[in-house]
Amino acid sequence: MKVFIVIILLFVIYNLGLAMFYMIRDKGQGKNTVRFLTVRIAVSFGLFLMIILALKMGWLQAHSLLPKTQ
């Protein structure tokens, strides 16, 4: 599950890079920038929902950063 999350995050970063590339290349006049930013937002939102579902189903376990007291 963690590997899948990392792959999706890399895909989000890739789409962000493509949006920046087309924004620079097309000088903001093309539709590619908007399309890639829309894909990035949709995938990020889907990943957020998937992480919440995985936490509720027990597929992922949250941990505390506080030290354990004895």
PDB file of N, CA and C in Angstrom:
ATOM      1  N   MET A   1       0.822  -1.191   0.000  1.00  0.00           N
ATOM      2  CA  MET A   1       0.000   0.000   0.000  1.00  0.00           C
ATOM      3  C   MET A   1       0.869   1.259   0.000  1.00  0.00           C
ATOM      4  N   LYS A   2       1.962   1.236   0.763  1.00  0.00           N
ATOM      5  CA  LYS A   2       2.826   2.411   0.845  1.00  0.00           C
ATOM      6  C   LYS A   2       3.524   2.672  -0.485  1.00  0.00           C
ATOM      7  N   VAL A   3       3.897   1.609  -1.187  1.00  0.00           N
ATOM      8  CA  VAL A   3       4.540   1.767  -2.487  1.00  0.00           C
ATOM      9  C   VAL A   3       3.554   2.391  -3.479  1.00  0.00           C
ATOM     10  N   PHE A   4       2.292   1.974  -3.422  1.00  0.00           N
ATOM     11  CA  PHE A   4       1.262   2.521  -4.289  1.00  0.00           C
ATOM     12  C   PHE A   4       1.082   4.018  -4.034  1.00  0.00           C
ATOM     13  N   ILE A   5       1.109   4.425  -2.783  1.00  0.00           N
ATOM     14  CA  ILE A   5       0.967   5.838  -2.428  1.00  0.00           C
ATOM     15  C   ILE A   5       2.142   6.643  -2.969  1.00  0.00           C
ATOM     16  N   VAL A   6       3.347   6.104  -2.851  1.00  0.00           N
ATOM     17  CA  VAL A   6       4.529   6.802  -3.370  1.00  0.00           C
ATOM     18  C   VAL A   6       4.449   6.937  -4.889  1.00  0.00           C
ATOM     19  N   ILE A   7       3.996   5.889  -5.573  1.00  0.00           N
ATOM     20  CA  ILE A   7       3.859   5.946  -7.032  1.00  0.00           C
ATOM     21  C   ILE A   7       2.846   7.019  -7.432  1.00  0.00           C
ATOM     22  N   ILE A   8       1.723   7.091  -6.724  1.00  0.00           N
ATOM     23  CA  ILE A   8       0.719   8.108  -7.029  1.00  0.00           C
ATOM     24  C   ILE A   8       1.273   9.506  -6.763  1.00  0.00           C
ATOM     25  N   LEU A   9       2.028   9.686  -5.680  1.00  0.00           N
ATOM     26  CA  LEU A   9       2.628  10.990  -5.402  1.00  0.00           C
ATOM     27  C   LEU A   9       3.631  11.393  -6.483  1.00  0.00           C
ATOM     28  N   LEU A  10       4.396  10.428  -6.987  1.00  0.00           N
ATOM     29  CA  LEU A  10       5.312  10.721  -8.087  1.00  0.00           C
ATOM     30  C   LEU A  10       4.549  11.110  -9.349  1.00  0.00           C
ATOM     31  N   PHE A  11       3.404  10.483  -9.586  1.00  0.00           N
ATOM     32  CA  PHE A  11       2.564  10.835 -10.722  1.00  0.00           C
ATOM     33  C   PHE A  11       2.030  12.263 -10.584  1.00  0.00           C
ATOM     34  N   VAL A  12       1.676  12.647  -9.368  1.00  0.00           N
ATOM     35  CA  VAL A  12       1.204  14.012  -9.114  1.00  0.00           C
ATOM     36  C   VAL A  12       2.324  15.022  -9.408  1.00  0.00           C
ATOM     37  N   ILE A  13       3.530  14.726  -8.968  1.00  0.00           N
ATOM     38  CA  ILE A  13       4.667  15.610  -9.223  1.00  0.00           C
ATOM     39  C   ILE A  13       4.967  15.680 -10.719  1.00  0.00           C
ATOM     40  N   TYR A  14       4.842  14.555 -11.415  1.00  0.00           N
ATOM     41  CA  TYR A  14       5.048  14.516 -12.859  1.00  0.00           C
ATOM     42  C   TYR A  14       4.042  15.417 -13.573  1.00  0.00           C
ATOM     43  N   ASN A  15       2.774  15.344 -13.179  1.00  0.00           N
ATOM     44  CA  ASN A  15       1.757  16.194 -13.783  1.00  0.00           C
ATOM     45  C   ASN A  15       2.008  17.669 -13.483  1.00  0.00           C
ATOM     46  N   LEU A  16       2.483  17.962 -12.301  1.00  0.00           N
ATOM     47  CA  LEU A  16       2.813  19.344 -11.960  1.00  0.00           C
ATOM     48  C   LEU A  16       3.954  19.858 -12.837  1.00  0.00           C
ATOM     49  N   GLY A  17       4.946  19.010 -13.078  1.00  0.00           N
ATOM     50  CA  GLY A  17       6.048  19.377 -13.958  1.00  0.00           C
ATOM     51  C   GLY A  17       5.587  19.590 -15.396  1.00  0.00           C
ATOM     52  N   LEU A  18       4.692  18.721 -15.883  1.00  0.00           N
ATOM     53  CA  LEU A  18       4.156  18.897 -17.231  1.00  0.00           C
ATOM     54  C   LEU A  18       3.363  20.194 -17.353  1.00  0.00           C
ATOM     55  N   ALA A  19       2.603  20.514 -16.323  1.00  0.00           N
ATOM     56  CA  ALA A  19       1.840  21.766 -16.341  1.00  0.00           C
ATOM     57  C   ALA A  19       2.783  22.958 -16.409  1.00  0.00           C
ATOM     58  N   MET A  20       3.874  22.914 -15.658  1.00  0.00           N
ATOM     59  CA  MET A  20       4.841  24.005 -15.692  1.00  0.00           C
ATOM     60  C   MET A  20       5.508  24.096 -17.066  1.00  0.00           C
ATOM     61  N   PHE A  21       5.844  22.939 -17.642  1.00  0.00           N
ATOM     62  CA  PHE A  21       6.463  22.922 -18.962  1.00  0.00           C
ATOM     63  C   PHE A  21       5.557  23.564 -20.005  1.00  0.00           C
ATOM     64  N   TYR A  22       4.286  23.178 -20.021  1.00  0.00           N
ATOM     65  CA  TYR A  22       3.368  23.734 -21.011  1.00  0.00           C
ATOM     66  C   TYR A  22       3.029  25.200 -20.730  1.00  0.00           C
ATOM     67  N   MET A  23       3.064  25.593 -19.468  1.00  0.00           N
ATOM     68  CA  MET A  23       2.821  26.996 -19.142  1.00  0.00           C
ATOM     69  C   MET A  23       3.952  27.863 -19.703  1.00  0.00           C
ATOM     70  N   ILE A  24       5.191  27.380 -19.583  1.00  0.00           N
ATOM     71  CA  ILE A  24       6.331  28.128 -20.101  1.00  0.00           C
ATOM     72  C   ILE A  24       6.346  28.085 -21.629  1.00  0.00           C
ATOM     73  N   ARG A  25       6.085  26.913 -22.198  1.00  0.00           N
ATOM     74  CA  ARG A  25       6.159  26.764 -23.645  1.00  0.00           C
ATOM     75  C   ARG A  25       5.052  27.523 -24.375  1.00  0.00           C
ATOM     76  N   ASP A  26       3.822  27.418 -23.870  1.00  0.00           N
ATOM     77  CA  ASP A  26       2.674  28.045 -24.534  1.00  0.00           C
ATOM     78  C   ASP A  26       2.406  29.465 -24.051  1.00  0.00           C
ATOM     79  N   LYS A  27       3.231  29.948 -23.131  1.00  0.00           N
ATOM     80  CA  LYS A  27       3.058  31.293 -22.548  1.00  0.00           C
ATOM     81  C   LYS A  27       1.675  31.470 -21.921  1.00  0.00           C
ATOM     82  N   GLY A  28       1.109  30.386 -21.386  1.00  0.00           N
ATOM     83  CA  GLY A  28      -0.178  30.459 -20.704  1.00  0.00           C
ATOM     84  C   GLY A  28      -1.381  30.520 -21.617  1.00  0.00           C
ATOM     85  N   GLN A  29      -1.192  30.351 -22.915  1.00  0.00           N
ATOM     86  CA  GLN A  29      -2.301  30.467 -23.857  1.00  0.00           C
ATOM     87  C   GLN A  29      -2.937  29.120 -24.197  1.00  0.00           C
ATOM     88  N   GLY A  30      -2.246  28.015 -23.979  1.00  0.00           N
ATOM     89  CA  GLY A  30      -2.772  26.704 -24.337  1.00  0.00           C
ATOM     90  C   GLY A  30      -3.654  26.121 -23.248  1.00  0.00           C
ATOM     91  N   LYS A  31      -4.316  25.032 -23.588  1.00  0.00           N
ATOM     92  CA  LYS A  31      -5.187  24.359 -22.628  1.00  0.00           C
ATOM     93  C   LYS A  31      -4.479  23.223 -21.893  1.00  0.00           C
ATOM     94  N   ASN A  32      -3.248  22.917 -22.303  1.00  0.00           N
ATOM     95  CA  ASN A  32      -2.532  21.811 -21.673  1.00  0.00           C
ATOM     96  C   ASN A  32      -2.240  22.077 -20.203  1.00  0.00           C
ATOM     97  N   THR A  33      -1.910  23.303 -19.858  1.00  0.00           N
ATOM     98  CA  THR A  33      -1.609  23.640 -18.463  1.00  0.00           C
ATOM     99  C   THR A  33      -2.814  23.370 -17.574  1.00  0.00           C
ATOM    100  N   VAL A  34      -3.961  23.824 -18.002  1.00  0.00           N
ATOM    101  CA  VAL A  34      -5.177  23.622 -17.220  1.00  0.00           C
ATOM    102  C   VAL A  34      -5.512  22.139 -17.120  1.00  0.00           C
ATOM    103  N   ARG A  35      -5.333  21.416 -18.214  1.00  0.00           N
ATOM    104  CA  ARG A  35      -5.643  19.979 -18.210  1.00  0.00           C
ATOM    105  C   ARG A  35      -4.759  19.223 -17.219  1.00  0.00           C
ATOM    106  N   PHE A  36      -3.442  19.487 -17.250  1.00  0.00           N
ATOM    107  CA  PHE A  36      -2.543  18.777 -16.345  1.00  0.00           C
ATOM    108  C   PHE A  36      -2.746  19.190 -14.887  1.00  0.00           C
ATOM    109  N   LEU A  37      -3.077  20.453 -14.642  1.00  0.00           N
ATOM    110  CA  LEU A  37      -3.363  20.865 -13.263  1.00  0.00           C
ATOM    111  C   LEU A  37      -4.666  20.241 -12.762  1.00  0.00           C
ATOM    112  N   THR A  38      -5.644  20.088 -13.659  1.00  0.00           N
ATOM    113  CA  THR A  38      -6.901  19.433 -13.282  1.00  0.00           C
ATOM    114  C   THR A  38      -6.668  17.970 -12.943  1.00  0.00           C
ATOM    115  N   VAL A  39      -5.841  17.309 -13.742  1.00  0.00           N
ATOM    116  CA  VAL A  39      -5.503  15.900 -13.458  1.00  0.00           C
ATOM    117  C   VAL A  39      -4.796  15.803 -12.114  1.00  0.00           C
ATOM    118  N   ARG A  40      -3.878  16.722 -11.853  1.00  0.00           N
ATOM    119  CA  ARG A  40      -3.149  16.702 -10.581  1.00  0.00           C
ATOM    120  C   ARG A  40      -4.083  16.862  -9.394  1.00  0.00           C
ATOM    121  N   ILE A  41      -5.019  17.778  -9.500  1.00  0.00           N
ATOM    122  CA  ILE A  41      -5.962  18.004  -8.402  1.00  0.00           C
ATOM    123  C   ILE A  41      -6.861  16.781  -8.204  1.00  0.00           C
ATOM    124  N   ALA A  42      -7.349  16.213  -9.301  1.00  0.00           N
ATOM    125  CA  ALA A  42      -8.229  15.047  -9.201  1.00  0.00           C
ATOM    126  C   ALA A  42      -7.503  13.851  -8.599  1.00  0.00           C
ATOM    127  N   VAL A  43      -6.284  13.608  -9.029  1.00  0.00           N
ATOM    128  CA  VAL A  43      -5.518  12.476  -8.499  1.00  0.00           C
ATOM    129  C   VAL A  43      -5.170  12.709  -7.033  1.00  0.00           C
ATOM    130  N   SER A  44      -4.810  13.936  -6.673  1.00  0.00           N
ATOM    131  CA  SER A  44      -4.499  14.249  -5.273  1.00  0.00           C
ATOM    132  C   SER A  44      -5.717  14.047  -4.380  1.00  0.00           C
ATOM    133  N   PHE A  45      -6.875  14.488  -4.848  1.00  0.00           N
ATOM    134  CA  PHE A  45      -8.101  14.313  -4.074  1.00  0.00           C
ATOM    135  C   PHE A  45      -8.445  12.836  -3.932  1.00  0.00           C
ATOM    136  N   GLY A  46      -8.303  12.077  -5.011  1.00  0.00           N
ATOM    137  CA  GLY A  46      -8.553  10.637  -4.956  1.00  0.00           C
ATOM    138  C   GLY A  46      -7.592   9.936  -4.005  1.00  0.00           C
ATOM    139  N   LEU A  47      -6.319  10.339  -4.011  1.00  0.00           N
ATOM    140  CA  LEU A  47      -5.338   9.759  -3.105  1.00  0.00           C
ATOM    141  C   LEU A  47      -5.688  10.072  -1.658  1.00  0.00           C
ATOM    142  N   PHE A  48      -6.124  11.300  -1.399  1.00  0.00           N
ATOM    143  CA  PHE A  48      -6.529  11.686  -0.053  1.00  0.00           C
ATOM    144  C   PHE A  48      -7.690  10.816   0.430  1.00  0.00           C
ATOM    145  N   LEU A  49      -8.687  10.622  -0.419  1.00  0.00           N
ATOM    146  CA  LEU A  49      -9.820   9.768  -0.047  1.00  0.00           C
ATOM    147  C   LEU A  49      -9.387   8.322   0.149  1.00  0.00           C
ATOM    148  N   MET A  50      -8.462   7.844  -0.697  1.00  0.00           N
ATOM    149  CA  MET A  50      -7.989   6.473  -0.564  1.00  0.00           C
ATOM    150  C   MET A  50      -7.224   6.274   0.746  1.00  0.00           C
ATOM    151  N   ILE A  51      -6.440   7.265   1.154  1.00  0.00           N
ATOM    152  CA  ILE A  51      -5.702   7.157   2.420  1.00  0.00           C
ATOM    153  C   ILE A  51      -6.677   7.134   3.597  1.00  0.00           C
ATOM    154  N   ILE A  52      -7.705   7.967   3.553  1.00  0.00           N
ATOM    155  CA  ILE A  52      -8.705   7.956   4.622  1.00  0.00           C
ATOM    156  C   ILE A  52      -9.401   6.592   4.678  1.00  0.00           C
ATOM    157  N   LEU A  53      -9.783   6.053   3.522  1.00  0.00           N
ATOM    158  CA  LEU A  53     -10.422   4.735   3.474  1.00  0.00           C
ATOM    159  C   LEU A  53      -9.482   3.652   4.004  1.00  0.00           C
ATOM    160  N   ALA A  54      -8.205   3.711   3.617  1.00  0.00           N
ATOM    161  CA  ALA A  54      -7.235   2.718   4.073  1.00  0.00           C
ATOM    162  C   ALA A  54      -7.038   2.785   5.585  1.00  0.00           C
ATOM    163  N   LEU A  55      -7.075   3.980   6.153  1.00  0.00           N
ATOM    164  CA  LEU A  55      -6.962   4.108   7.607  1.00  0.00           C
ATOM    165  C   LEU A  55      -8.190   3.526   8.303  1.00  0.00           C
ATOM    166  N   LYS A  56      -9.377   3.786   7.741  1.00  0.00           N
ATOM    167  CA  LYS A  56     -10.614   3.268   8.341  1.00  0.00           C
ATOM    168  C   LYS A  56     -10.698   1.747   8.241  1.00  0.00           C
ATOM    169  N   MET A  57     -10.210   1.183   7.123  1.00  0.00           N
ATOM    170  CA  MET A  57     -10.282  -0.264   6.908  1.00  0.00           C
ATOM    171  C   MET A  57      -9.150  -1.013   7.616  1.00  0.00           C
ATOM    172  N   GLY A  58      -8.140  -0.291   8.093  1.00  0.00           N
ATOM    173  CA  GLY A  58      -7.031  -0.929   8.790  1.00  0.00           C
ATOM    174  C   GLY A  58      -5.897  -1.357   7.873  1.00  0.00           C
ATOM    175  N   TRP A  59      -5.931  -0.954   6.611  1.00  0.00           N
ATOM    176  CA  TRP A  59      -4.863  -1.303   5.680  1.00  0.00           C
ATOM    177  C   TRP A  59      -3.608  -0.504   5.972  1.00  0.00           C
ATOM    178  N   LEU A  60      -3.774   0.694   6.518  1.00  0.00           N
ATOM    179  CA  LEU A  60      -2.674   1.545   6.966  1.00  0.00           C
ATOM    180  C   LEU A  60      -2.863   1.822   8.448  1.00  0.00           C
ATOM    181  N   GLN A  61      -1.763   1.987   9.139  1.00  0.00           N
ATOM    182  CA  GLN A  61      -1.844   2.279  10.564  1.00  0.00           C
ATOM    183  C   GLN A  61      -1.132   3.607  10.828  1.00  0.00           C
ATOM    184  N   ALA A  62      -1.823   4.513  11.472  1.00  0.00           N
ATOM    185  CA  ALA A  62      -1.218   5.773  11.866  1.00  0.00           C
ATOM    186  C   ALA A  62      -0.368   5.543  13.110  1.00  0.00           C
ATOM    187  N   HIS A  63       0.666   6.310  13.252  1.00  0.00           N
ATOM    188  CA  HIS A  63       1.506   6.191  14.435  1.00  0.00           C
ATOM    189  C   HIS A  63       1.744   7.574  15.017  1.00  0.00           C
ATOM    190  N   SER A  64       2.026   7.581  16.298  1.00  0.00           N
ATOM    191  CA  SER A  64       2.263   8.831  16.991  1.00  0.00           C
ATOM    192  C   SER A  64       3.747   9.171  16.954  1.00  0.00           C
ATOM    193  N   LEU A  65       4.058  10.435  16.896  1.00  0.00           N
ATOM    194  CA  LEU A  65       5.444  10.860  16.933  1.00  0.00           C
ATOM    195  C   LEU A  65       5.912  11.119  18.353  1.00  0.00           C
ATOM    196  N   LEU A  66       5.004  11.015  19.302  1.00  0.00           N
ATOM    197  CA  LEU A  66       5.354  11.228  20.706  1.00  0.00           C
ATOM    198  C   LEU A  66       6.035   9.975  21.254  1.00  0.00           C
ATOM    199  N   PRO A  67       7.041  10.146  22.116  1.00  0.00           N
ATOM    200  CA  PRO A  67       7.704   8.976  22.695  1.00  0.00           C
ATOM    201  C   PRO A  67       6.757   8.247  23.661  1.00  0.00           C
ATOM    202  N   LYS A  68       6.920   6.948  23.709  1.00  0.00           N
ATOM    203  CA  LYS A  68       6.085   6.141  24.621  1.00  0.00           C
ATOM    204  C   LYS A  68       6.571   6.333  26.056  1.00  0.00           C
ATOM    205  N   THR A  69       5.616   6.464  26.968  1.00  0.00           N
ATOM    206  CA  THR A  69       5.963   6.593  28.382  1.00  0.00           C
ATOM    207  C   THR A  69       5.890   5.216  29.008  1.00  0.00           C
ATOM    208  N   GLN A  70       6.768   4.977  29.974  1.00  0.00           N
ATOM    209  CA  GLN A  70       6.800   3.650  30.605  1.00  0.00           C
ATOM    210  C   GLN A  70       6.282   3.710  32.002  1.00  0.00           C
TER     211      GLN A  70
END
